[in-house]
Amino acid sequence: MKKDLRLEETSATYSRLMLNFDPKKFFLLIVDEFSMLSREMFAFVTERLIQCNIDLDNIGIVLIGDPAQILPIAAEPLWSARSYTHENKKMQFPFY
């Protein structure tokens, strides 16, 4: 059964998002081959966006790529695979 995750148009969250949304101020940052992106480089990118007076609340970030491919050279990757136990089942998923 597919769960409907859409916000109701009458919800306060939806109303706040629509009031504050300005397509002329919205940016979409697409990162291809994100497995090669280090945490340090991602921090540098966000610092540069702030220096350019770009509101980080108006940025959507899309990470594309295979996390099992090449890692950043001599740096910690943006993501890491971690596991946890829930109801005696070991679960594993990436953290960003």
PDB file of N, CA and C in Angstrom:
ATOM      1  N   MET A   1       0.835  -1.179   0.000  1.00  0.00           N
ATOM      2  CA  MET A   1       0.000   0.000   0.000  1.00  0.00           C
ATOM      3  C   MET A   1       0.887   1.252   0.000  1.00  0.00           C
ATOM      4  N   LYS A   2       0.651   2.135  -0.935  1.00  0.00           N
ATOM      5  CA  LYS A   2       1.451   3.340  -1.080  1.00  0.00           C
ATOM      6  C   LYS A   2       0.912   4.431  -0.158  1.00  0.00           C
ATOM      7  N   LYS A   3       1.810   5.038   0.622  1.00  0.00           N
ATOM      8  CA  LYS A   3       1.418   6.071   1.566  1.00  0.00           C
ATOM      9  C   LYS A   3       1.479   7.436   0.888  1.00  0.00           C
ATOM     10  N   ASP A   4       0.454   8.237   1.087  1.00  0.00           N
ATOM     11  CA  ASP A   4       0.396   9.577   0.515  1.00  0.00           C
ATOM     12  C   ASP A   4       1.154  10.538   1.431  1.00  0.00           C
ATOM     13  N   LEU A   5       2.245  11.107   0.936  1.00  0.00           N
ATOM     14  CA  LEU A   5       3.085  11.987   1.740  1.00  0.00           C
ATOM     15  C   LEU A   5       2.868  13.469   1.432  1.00  0.00           C
ATOM     16  N   ARG A   6       1.888  13.774   0.605  1.00  0.00           N
ATOM     17  CA  ARG A   6       1.639  15.172   0.258  1.00  0.00           C
ATOM     18  C   ARG A   6       1.084  15.944   1.453  1.00  0.00           C
ATOM     19  N   LEU A   7       1.425  17.237   1.518  1.00  0.00           N
ATOM     20  CA  LEU A   7       0.873  18.099   2.560  1.00  0.00           C
ATOM     21  C   LEU A   7      -0.534  18.523   2.160  1.00  0.00           C
ATOM     22  N   GLU A   8      -1.414  18.551   3.128  1.00  0.00           N
ATOM     23  CA  GLU A   8      -2.761  19.061   2.867  1.00  0.00           C
ATOM     24  C   GLU A   8      -2.665  20.562   2.597  1.00  0.00           C
ATOM     25  N   GLU A   9      -3.438  21.045   1.637  1.00  0.00           N
ATOM     26  CA  GLU A   9      -3.383  22.468   1.299  1.00  0.00           C
ATOM     27  C   GLU A   9      -3.871  23.349   2.439  1.00  0.00           C
ATOM     28  N   THR A  10      -4.576  22.770   3.387  1.00  0.00           N
ATOM     29  CA  THR A  10      -5.073  23.548   4.521  1.00  0.00           C
ATOM     30  C   THR A  10      -4.117  23.525   5.711  1.00  0.00           C
ATOM     31  N   SER A  11      -3.025  22.783   5.618  1.00  0.00           N
ATOM     32  CA  SER A  11      -2.109  22.684   6.760  1.00  0.00           C
ATOM     33  C   SER A  11      -1.312  23.976   6.929  1.00  0.00           C
ATOM     34  N   ALA A  12      -0.918  24.247   8.162  1.00  0.00           N
ATOM     35  CA  ALA A  12      -0.131  25.445   8.464  1.00  0.00           C
ATOM     36  C   ALA A  12       1.236  25.378   7.794  1.00  0.00           C
ATOM     37  N   THR A  13       1.822  24.188   7.745  1.00  0.00           N
ATOM     38  CA  THR A  13       3.137  24.022   7.111  1.00  0.00           C
ATOM     39  C   THR A  13       3.066  24.359   5.631  1.00  0.00           C
ATOM     40  N   TYR A  14       2.052  23.837   4.950  1.00  0.00           N
ATOM     41  CA  TYR A  14       1.875  24.110   3.520  1.00  0.00           C
ATOM     42  C   TYR A  14       1.692  25.613   3.296  1.00  0.00           C
ATOM     43  N   SER A  15       0.856  26.236   4.111  1.00  0.00           N
ATOM     44  CA  SER A  15       0.592  27.670   3.961  1.00  0.00           C
ATOM     45  C   SER A  15       1.865  28.485   4.142  1.00  0.00           C
ATOM     46  N   ARG A  16       2.658  28.139   5.163  1.00  0.00           N
ATOM     47  CA  ARG A  16       3.907  28.859   5.413  1.00  0.00           C
ATOM     48  C   ARG A  16       4.877  28.686   4.247  1.00  0.00           C
ATOM     49  N   LEU A  17       4.977  27.466   3.729  1.00  0.00           N
ATOM     50  CA  LEU A  17       5.875  27.218   2.600  1.00  0.00           C
ATOM     51  C   LEU A  17       5.450  28.008   1.369  1.00  0.00           C
ATOM     52  N   MET A  18       4.161  28.052   1.099  1.00  0.00           N
ATOM     53  CA  MET A  18       3.672  28.758  -0.081  1.00  0.00           C
ATOM     54  C   MET A  18       3.828  30.267   0.056  1.00  0.00           C
ATOM     55  N   LEU A  19       3.636  30.792   1.260  1.00  0.00           N
ATOM     56  CA  LEU A  19       3.795  32.234   1.468  1.00  0.00           C
ATOM     57  C   LEU A  19       5.247  32.667   1.284  1.00  0.00           C
ATOM     58  N   ASN A  20       6.169  31.821   1.704  1.00  0.00           N
ATOM     59  CA  ASN A  20       7.589  32.167   1.637  1.00  0.00           C
ATOM     60  C   ASN A  20       8.260  31.757   0.331  1.00  0.00           C
ATOM     61  N   PHE A  21       7.565  30.996  -0.508  1.00  0.00           N
ATOM     62  CA  PHE A  21       8.189  30.488  -1.732  1.00  0.00           C
ATOM     63  C   PHE A  21       8.189  31.544  -2.824  1.00  0.00           C
ATOM     64  N   ASP A  22       9.356  31.836  -3.325  1.00  0.00           N
ATOM     65  CA  ASP A  22       9.510  32.749  -4.452  1.00  0.00           C
ATOM     66  C   ASP A  22      10.399  32.046  -5.475  1.00  0.00           C
ATOM     67  N   PRO A  23       9.817  31.611  -6.616  1.00  0.00           N
ATOM     68  CA  PRO A  23      10.616  30.853  -7.585  1.00  0.00           C
ATOM     69  C   PRO A  23      11.826  31.616  -8.110  1.00  0.00           C
ATOM     70  N   LYS A  24      11.802  32.934  -8.028  1.00  0.00           N
ATOM     71  CA  LYS A  24      12.950  33.716  -8.493  1.00  0.00           C
ATOM     72  C   LYS A  24      14.116  33.644  -7.508  1.00  0.00           C
ATOM     73  N   LYS A  25      13.838  33.218  -6.281  1.00  0.00           N
ATOM     74  CA  LYS A  25      14.879  33.123  -5.258  1.00  0.00           C
ATOM     75  C   LYS A  25      15.225  31.682  -4.915  1.00  0.00           C
ATOM     76  N   PHE A  26      14.644  30.729  -5.610  1.00  0.00           N
ATOM     77  CA  PHE A  26      14.881  29.319  -5.309  1.00  0.00           C
ATOM     78  C   PHE A  26      15.998  28.787  -6.197  1.00  0.00           C
ATOM     79  N   PHE A  27      16.925  28.077  -5.593  1.00  0.00           N
ATOM     80  CA  PHE A  27      18.045  27.501  -6.329  1.00  0.00           C
ATOM     81  C   PHE A  27      18.033  25.992  -6.166  1.00  0.00           C
ATOM     82  N   LEU A  28      18.466  25.301  -7.183  1.00  0.00           N
ATOM     83  CA  LEU A  28      18.601  23.853  -7.121  1.00  0.00           C
ATOM     84  C   LEU A  28      20.059  23.525  -7.410  1.00  0.00           C
ATOM     85  N   LEU A  29      20.715  22.912  -6.434  1.00  0.00           N
ATOM     86  CA  LEU A  29      22.108  22.512  -6.576  1.00  0.00           C
ATOM     87  C   LEU A  29      22.131  21.017  -6.861  1.00  0.00           C
ATOM     88  N   ILE A  30      22.618  20.643  -8.040  1.00  0.00           N
ATOM     89  CA  ILE A  30      22.687  19.238  -8.433  1.00  0.00           C
ATOM     90  C   ILE A  30      24.151  18.808  -8.399  1.00  0.00           C
ATOM     91  N   VAL A  31      24.438  17.777  -7.613  1.00  0.00           N
ATOM     92  CA  VAL A  31      25.801  17.265  -7.478  1.00  0.00           C
ATOM     93  C   VAL A  31      25.840  15.872  -8.086  1.00  0.00           C
ATOM     94  N   ASP A  32      26.563  15.732  -9.195  1.00  0.00           N
ATOM     95  CA  ASP A  32      26.726  14.421  -9.826  1.00  0.00           C
ATOM     96  C   ASP A  32      27.997  13.778  -9.271  1.00  0.00           C
ATOM     97  N   GLU A  33      28.009  12.461  -9.218  1.00  0.00           N
ATOM     98  CA  GLU A  33      29.137  11.708  -8.658  1.00  0.00           C
ATOM     99  C   GLU A  33      29.436  12.179  -7.232  1.00  0.00           C
ATOM    100  N   PHE A  34      28.382  12.276  -6.421  1.00  0.00           N
ATOM    101  CA  PHE A  34      28.530  12.813  -5.072  1.00  0.00           C
ATOM    102  C   PHE A  34      29.442  11.969  -4.189  1.00  0.00           C
ATOM    103  N   SER A  35      29.700  10.715  -4.563  1.00  0.00           N
ATOM    104  CA  SER A  35      30.575   9.879  -3.735  1.00  0.00           C
ATOM    105  C   SER A  35      31.985  10.460  -3.661  1.00  0.00           C
ATOM    106  N   MET A  36      32.349  11.286  -4.634  1.00  0.00           N
ATOM    107  CA  MET A  36      33.677  11.890  -4.655  1.00  0.00           C
ATOM    108  C   MET A  36      33.719  13.217  -3.891  1.00  0.00           C
ATOM    109  N   LEU A  37      32.569  13.671  -3.397  1.00  0.00           N
ATOM    110  CA  LEU A  37      32.483  14.947  -2.683  1.00  0.00           C
ATOM    111  C   LEU A  37      32.843  14.746  -1.212  1.00  0.00           C
ATOM    112  N   SER A  38      33.820  15.487  -0.741  1.00  0.00           N
ATOM    113  CA  SER A  38      34.225  15.378   0.666  1.00  0.00           C
ATOM    114  C   SER A  38      33.392  16.329   1.521  1.00  0.00           C
ATOM    115  N   ARG A  39      33.396  16.079   2.821  1.00  0.00           N
ATOM    116  CA  ARG A  39      32.696  16.978   3.749  1.00  0.00           C
ATOM    117  C   ARG A  39      33.312  18.375   3.696  1.00  0.00           C
ATOM    118  N   GLU A  40      34.630  18.426   3.583  1.00  0.00           N
ATOM    119  CA  GLU A  40      35.323  19.709   3.517  1.00  0.00           C
ATOM    120  C   GLU A  40      34.898  20.497   2.274  1.00  0.00           C
ATOM    121  N   MET A  41      34.796  19.829   1.130  1.00  0.00           N
ATOM    122  CA  MET A  41      34.387  20.505  -0.103  1.00  0.00           C
ATOM    123  C   MET A  41      32.931  20.970  -0.013  1.00  0.00           C
ATOM    124  N   PHE A  42      32.074  20.142   0.591  1.00  0.00           N
ATOM    125  CA  PHE A  42      30.671  20.530   0.744  1.00  0.00           C
ATOM    126  C   PHE A  42      30.557  21.747   1.667  1.00  0.00           C
ATOM    127  N   ALA A  43      31.362  21.778   2.726  1.00  0.00           N
ATOM    128  CA  ALA A  43      31.375  22.941   3.615  1.00  0.00           C
ATOM    129  C   ALA A  43      31.846  24.182   2.858  1.00  0.00           C
ATOM    130  N   PHE A  44      32.844  24.020   1.996  1.00  0.00           N
ATOM    131  CA  PHE A  44      33.336  25.132   1.182  1.00  0.00           C
ATOM    132  C   PHE A  44      32.227  25.666   0.274  1.00  0.00           C
ATOM    133  N   VAL A  45      31.478  24.769  -0.352  1.00  0.00           N
ATOM    134  CA  VAL A  45      30.381  25.178  -1.240  1.00  0.00           C
ATOM    135  C   VAL A  45      29.333  25.965  -0.459  1.00  0.00           C
ATOM    136  N   THR A  46      28.943  25.466   0.710  1.00  0.00           N
ATOM    137  CA  THR A  46      27.925  26.178   1.492  1.00  0.00           C
ATOM    138  C   THR A  46      28.445  27.533   1.977  1.00  0.00           C
ATOM    139  N   GLU A  47      29.715  27.614   2.341  1.00  0.00           N
ATOM    140  CA  GLU A  47      30.293  28.901   2.739  1.00  0.00           C
ATOM    141  C   GLU A  47      30.270  29.900   1.589  1.00  0.00           C
ATOM    142  N   ARG A  48      30.577  29.439   0.387  1.00  0.00           N
ATOM    143  CA  ARG A  48      30.553  30.333  -0.786  1.00  0.00           C
ATOM    144  C   ARG A  48      29.131  30.814  -1.081  1.00  0.00           C
ATOM    145  N   LEU A  49      28.145  29.930  -0.917  1.00  0.00           N
ATOM    146  CA  LEU A  49      26.756  30.339  -1.125  1.00  0.00           C
ATOM    147  C   LEU A  49      26.359  31.428  -0.131  1.00  0.00           C
ATOM    148  N   ILE A  50      26.776  31.267   1.118  1.00  0.00           N
ATOM    149  CA  ILE A  50      26.483  32.272   2.143  1.00  0.00           C
ATOM    150  C   ILE A  50      27.176  33.587   1.806  1.00  0.00           C
ATOM    151  N   GLN A  51      28.436  33.537   1.340  1.00  0.00           N
ATOM    152  CA  GLN A  51      29.162  34.744   0.952  1.00  0.00           C
ATOM    153  C   GLN A  51      28.475  35.470  -0.202  1.00  0.00           C
ATOM    154  N   CYS A  52      27.751  34.721  -1.032  1.00  0.00           N
ATOM    155  CA  CYS A  52      27.019  35.311  -2.164  1.00  0.00           C
ATOM    156  C   CYS A  52      25.619  35.761  -1.757  1.00  0.00           C
ATOM    157  N   ASN A  53      25.361  35.781  -0.450  1.00  0.00           N
ATOM    158  CA  ASN A  53      24.063  36.194   0.098  1.00  0.00           C
ATOM    159  C   ASN A  53      22.911  35.342  -0.410  1.00  0.00           C
ATOM    160  N   ILE A  54      23.155  34.061  -0.600  1.00  0.00           N
ATOM    161  CA  ILE A  54      22.103  33.131  -1.001  1.00  0.00           C
ATOM    162  C   ILE A  54      21.575  32.459   0.255  1.00  0.00           C
ATOM    163  N   ASP A  55      20.274  32.582   0.463  1.00  0.00           N
ATOM    164  CA  ASP A  55      19.622  32.005   1.637  1.00  0.00           C
ATOM    165  C   ASP A  55      19.595  30.485   1.498  1.00  0.00           C
ATOM    166  N   LEU A  56      20.253  29.787   2.408  1.00  0.00           N
ATOM    167  CA  LEU A  56      20.322  28.325   2.323  1.00  0.00           C
ATOM    168  C   LEU A  56      18.955  27.663   2.480  1.00  0.00           C
ATOM    169  N   ASP A  57      17.981  28.384   3.053  1.00  0.00           N
ATOM    170  CA  ASP A  57      16.625  27.834   3.157  1.00  0.00           C
ATOM    171  C   ASP A  57      15.951  27.735   1.793  1.00  0.00           C
ATOM    172  N   ASN A  58      16.481  28.440   0.796  1.00  0.00           N
ATOM    173  CA  ASN A  58      15.888  28.443  -0.543  1.00  0.00           C
ATOM    174  C   ASN A  58      16.662  27.572  -1.523  1.00  0.00           C
ATOM    175  N   ILE A  59      17.447  26.646  -1.012  1.00  0.00           N
ATOM    176  CA  ILE A  59      18.242  25.784  -1.885  1.00  0.00           C
ATOM    177  C   ILE A  59      17.811  24.334  -1.714  1.00  0.00           C
ATOM    178  N   GLY A  60      17.520  23.703  -2.838  1.00  0.00           N
ATOM    179  CA  GLY A  60      17.290  22.266  -2.847  1.00  0.00           C
ATOM    180  C   GLY A  60      18.569  21.595  -3.328  1.00  0.00           C
ATOM    181  N   ILE A  61      18.951  20.520  -2.671  1.00  0.00           N
ATOM    182  CA  ILE A  61      20.186  19.828  -3.039  1.00  0.00           C
ATOM    183  C   ILE A  61      19.846  18.415  -3.484  1.00  0.00           C
ATOM    184  N   VAL A  62      20.289  18.069  -4.693  1.00  0.00           N
ATOM    185  CA  VAL A  62      20.069  16.736  -5.245  1.00  0.00           C
ATOM    186  C   VAL A  62      21.432  16.069  -5.404  1.00  0.00           C
ATOM    187  N   LEU A  63      21.612  14.940  -4.720  1.00  0.00           N
ATOM    188  CA  LEU A  63      22.863  14.186  -4.826  1.00  0.00           C
ATOM    189  C   LEU A  63      22.630  13.001  -5.743  1.00  0.00           C
ATOM    190  N   ILE A  64      23.439  12.902  -6.796  1.00  0.00           N
ATOM    191  CA  ILE A  64      23.284  11.834  -7.781  1.00  0.00           C
ATOM    192  C   ILE A  64      24.581  11.033  -7.833  1.00  0.00           C
ATOM    193  N   GLY A  65      24.459   9.734  -7.891  1.00  0.00           N
ATOM    194  CA  GLY A  65      25.646   8.901  -8.025  1.00  0.00           C
ATOM    195  C   GLY A  65      25.533   7.634  -7.216  1.00  0.00           C
ATOM    196  N   ASP A  66      26.564   6.835  -7.315  1.00  0.00           N
ATOM    197  CA  ASP A  66      26.619   5.554  -6.621  1.00  0.00           C
ATOM    198  C   ASP A  66      27.586   5.682  -5.453  1.00  0.00           C
ATOM    199  N   PRO A  67      27.091   5.574  -4.205  1.00  0.00           N
ATOM    200  CA  PRO A  67      27.987   5.737  -3.060  1.00  0.00           C
ATOM    201  C   PRO A  67      29.050   4.653  -2.958  1.00  0.00           C
ATOM    202  N   ALA A  68      28.916   3.581  -3.724  1.00  0.00           N
ATOM    203  CA  ALA A  68      29.906   2.500  -3.684  1.00  0.00           C
ATOM    204  C   ALA A  68      31.052   2.740  -4.664  1.00  0.00           C
ATOM    205  N   GLN A  69      31.015   3.867  -5.373  1.00  0.00           N
ATOM    206  CA  GLN A  69      32.089   4.153  -6.326  1.00  0.00           C
ATOM    207  C   GLN A  69      33.232   4.894  -5.649  1.00  0.00           C
ATOM    208  N   ILE A  70      34.001   5.619  -6.404  1.00  0.00           N
ATOM    209  CA  ILE A  70      35.228   6.259  -5.932  1.00  0.00           C
ATOM    210  C   ILE A  70      34.946   7.239  -4.793  1.00  0.00           C
ATOM    211  N   LEU A  71      35.738   7.126  -3.728  1.00  0.00           N
ATOM    212  CA  LEU A  71      35.644   8.036  -2.590  1.00  0.00           C
ATOM    213  C   LEU A  71      36.562   9.229  -2.810  1.00  0.00           C
ATOM    214  N   PRO A  72      36.363  10.314  -2.056  1.00  0.00           N
ATOM    215  CA  PRO A  72      37.269  11.457  -2.179  1.00  0.00           C
ATOM    216  C   PRO A  72      38.699  11.055  -1.820  1.00  0.00           C
ATOM    217  N   ILE A  73      39.654  11.679  -2.468  1.00  0.00           N
ATOM    218  CA  ILE A  73      41.061  11.368  -2.218  1.00  0.00           C
ATOM    219  C   ILE A  73      41.513  12.095  -0.953  1.00  0.00           C
ATOM    220  N   ALA A  74      42.069  11.348  -0.020  1.00  0.00           N
ATOM    221  CA  ALA A  74      42.630  11.882   1.231  1.00  0.00           C
ATOM    222  C   ALA A  74      41.654  12.783   1.980  1.00  0.00           C
ATOM    223  N   ALA A  75      40.379  12.420   1.966  1.00  0.00           N
ATOM    224  CA  ALA A  75      39.375  13.214   2.675  1.00  0.00           C
ATOM    225  C   ALA A  75      38.230  12.313   3.114  1.00  0.00           C
ATOM    226  N   GLU A  76      37.474  12.800   4.089  1.00  0.00           N
ATOM    227  CA  GLU A  76      36.326  12.047   4.585  1.00  0.00           C
ATOM    228  C   GLU A  76      35.137  12.285   3.656  1.00  0.00           C
ATOM    229  N   PRO A  77      34.438  11.224   3.238  1.00  0.00           N
ATOM    230  CA  PRO A  77      33.310  11.419   2.326  1.00  0.00           C
ATOM    231  C   PRO A  77      32.153  12.160   2.992  1.00  0.00           C
ATOM    232  N   LEU A  78      31.322  12.740   2.173  1.00  0.00           N
ATOM    233  CA  LEU A  78      30.146  13.459   2.652  1.00  0.00           C
ATOM    234  C   LEU A  78      29.193  12.529   3.383  1.00  0.00           C
ATOM    235  N   TRP A  79      29.176  11.285   3.009  1.00  0.00           N
ATOM    236  CA  TRP A  79      28.252  10.300   3.580  1.00  0.00           C
ATOM    237  C   TRP A  79      29.053   9.192   4.240  1.00  0.00           C
ATOM    238  N   SER A  80      28.385   8.411   5.054  1.00  0.00           N
ATOM    239  CA  SER A  80      29.003   7.206   5.606  1.00  0.00           C
ATOM    240  C   SER A  80      27.913   6.167   5.818  1.00  0.00           C
ATOM    241  N   ALA A  81      28.259   4.914   5.612  1.00  0.00           N
ATOM    242  CA  ALA A  81      27.299   3.826   5.810  1.00  0.00           C
ATOM    243  C   ALA A  81      27.354   3.411   7.276  1.00  0.00           C
ATOM    244  N   ARG A  82      26.216   3.430   7.918  1.00  0.00           N
ATOM    245  CA  ARG A  82      26.135   3.032   9.322  1.00  0.00           C
ATOM    246  C   ARG A  82      25.013   2.026   9.468  1.00  0.00           C
ATOM    247  N   SER A  83      25.085   1.286  10.526  1.00  0.00           N
ATOM    248  CA  SER A  83      24.018   0.326  10.770  1.00  0.00           C
ATOM    249  C   SER A  83      23.489   0.515  12.186  1.00  0.00           C
ATOM    250  N   TYR A  84      22.268   0.089  12.404  1.00  0.00           N
ATOM    251  CA  TYR A  84      21.678   0.138  13.729  1.00  0.00           C
ATOM    252  C   TYR A  84      20.759  -1.064  13.877  1.00  0.00           C
ATOM    253  N   THR A  85      20.392  -1.368  15.097  1.00  0.00           N
ATOM    254  CA  THR A  85      19.514  -2.500  15.355  1.00  0.00           C
ATOM    255  C   THR A  85      18.156  -1.980  15.784  1.00  0.00           C
ATOM    256  N   HIS A  86      17.126  -2.477  15.138  1.00  0.00           N
ATOM    257  CA  HIS A  86      15.755  -2.099  15.462  1.00  0.00           C
ATOM    258  C   HIS A  86      14.924  -3.371  15.520  1.00  0.00           C
ATOM    259  N   GLU A  87      14.314  -3.613  16.670  1.00  0.00           N
ATOM    260  CA  GLU A  87      13.487  -4.807  16.867  1.00  0.00           C
ATOM    261  C   GLU A  87      14.238  -6.071  16.451  1.00  0.00           C
ATOM    262  N   ASN A  88      15.475  -6.186  16.927  1.00  0.00           N
ATOM    263  CA  ASN A  88      16.334  -7.348  16.671  1.00  0.00           C
ATOM    264  C   ASN A  88      16.684  -7.547  15.196  1.00  0.00           C
ATOM    265  N   LYS A  89      16.483  -6.542  14.385  1.00  0.00           N
ATOM    266  CA  LYS A  89      16.862  -6.612  12.976  1.00  0.00           C
ATOM    267  C   LYS A  89      17.962  -5.590  12.737  1.00  0.00           C
ATOM    268  N   LYS A  90      19.014  -6.028  12.091  1.00  0.00           N
ATOM    269  CA  LYS A  90      20.097  -5.109  11.774  1.00  0.00           C
ATOM    270  C   LYS A  90      19.735  -4.372  10.490  1.00  0.00           C
ATOM    271  N   MET A  91      19.711  -3.056  10.577  1.00  0.00           N
ATOM    272  CA  MET A  91      19.357  -2.218   9.440  1.00  0.00           C
ATOM    273  C   MET A  91      20.606  -1.449   9.030  1.00  0.00           C
ATOM    274  N   GLN A  92      20.728  -1.194   7.740  1.00  0.00           N
ATOM    275  CA  GLN A  92      21.863  -0.413   7.269  1.00  0.00           C
ATOM    276  C   GLN A  92      21.383   0.553   6.202  1.00  0.00           C
ATOM    277  N   PHE A  93      21.805   1.792   6.328  1.00  0.00           N
ATOM    278  CA  PHE A  93      21.466   2.795   5.330  1.00  0.00           C
ATOM    279  C   PHE A  93      22.489   3.912   5.413  1.00  0.00           C
ATOM    280  N   PRO A  94      22.625   4.689   4.351  1.00  0.00           N
ATOM    281  CA  PRO A  94      23.615   5.764   4.362  1.00  0.00           C
ATOM    282  C   PRO A  94      23.130   6.967   5.158  1.00  0.00           C
ATOM    283  N   PHE A  95      24.058   7.625   5.842  1.00  0.00           N
ATOM    284  CA  PHE A  95      23.795   8.891   6.515  1.00  0.00           C
ATOM    285  C   PHE A  95      24.501   9.979   5.738  1.00  0.00           C
ATOM    286  N   TYR A  96      23.868  11.113   5.610  1.00  0.00           N
ATOM    287  CA  TYR A  96      24.478  12.238   4.910  1.00  0.00           C
ATOM    288  C   TYR A  96      24.660  13.373   5.873  1.00  0.00           C
TER     289      TYR A  96
END
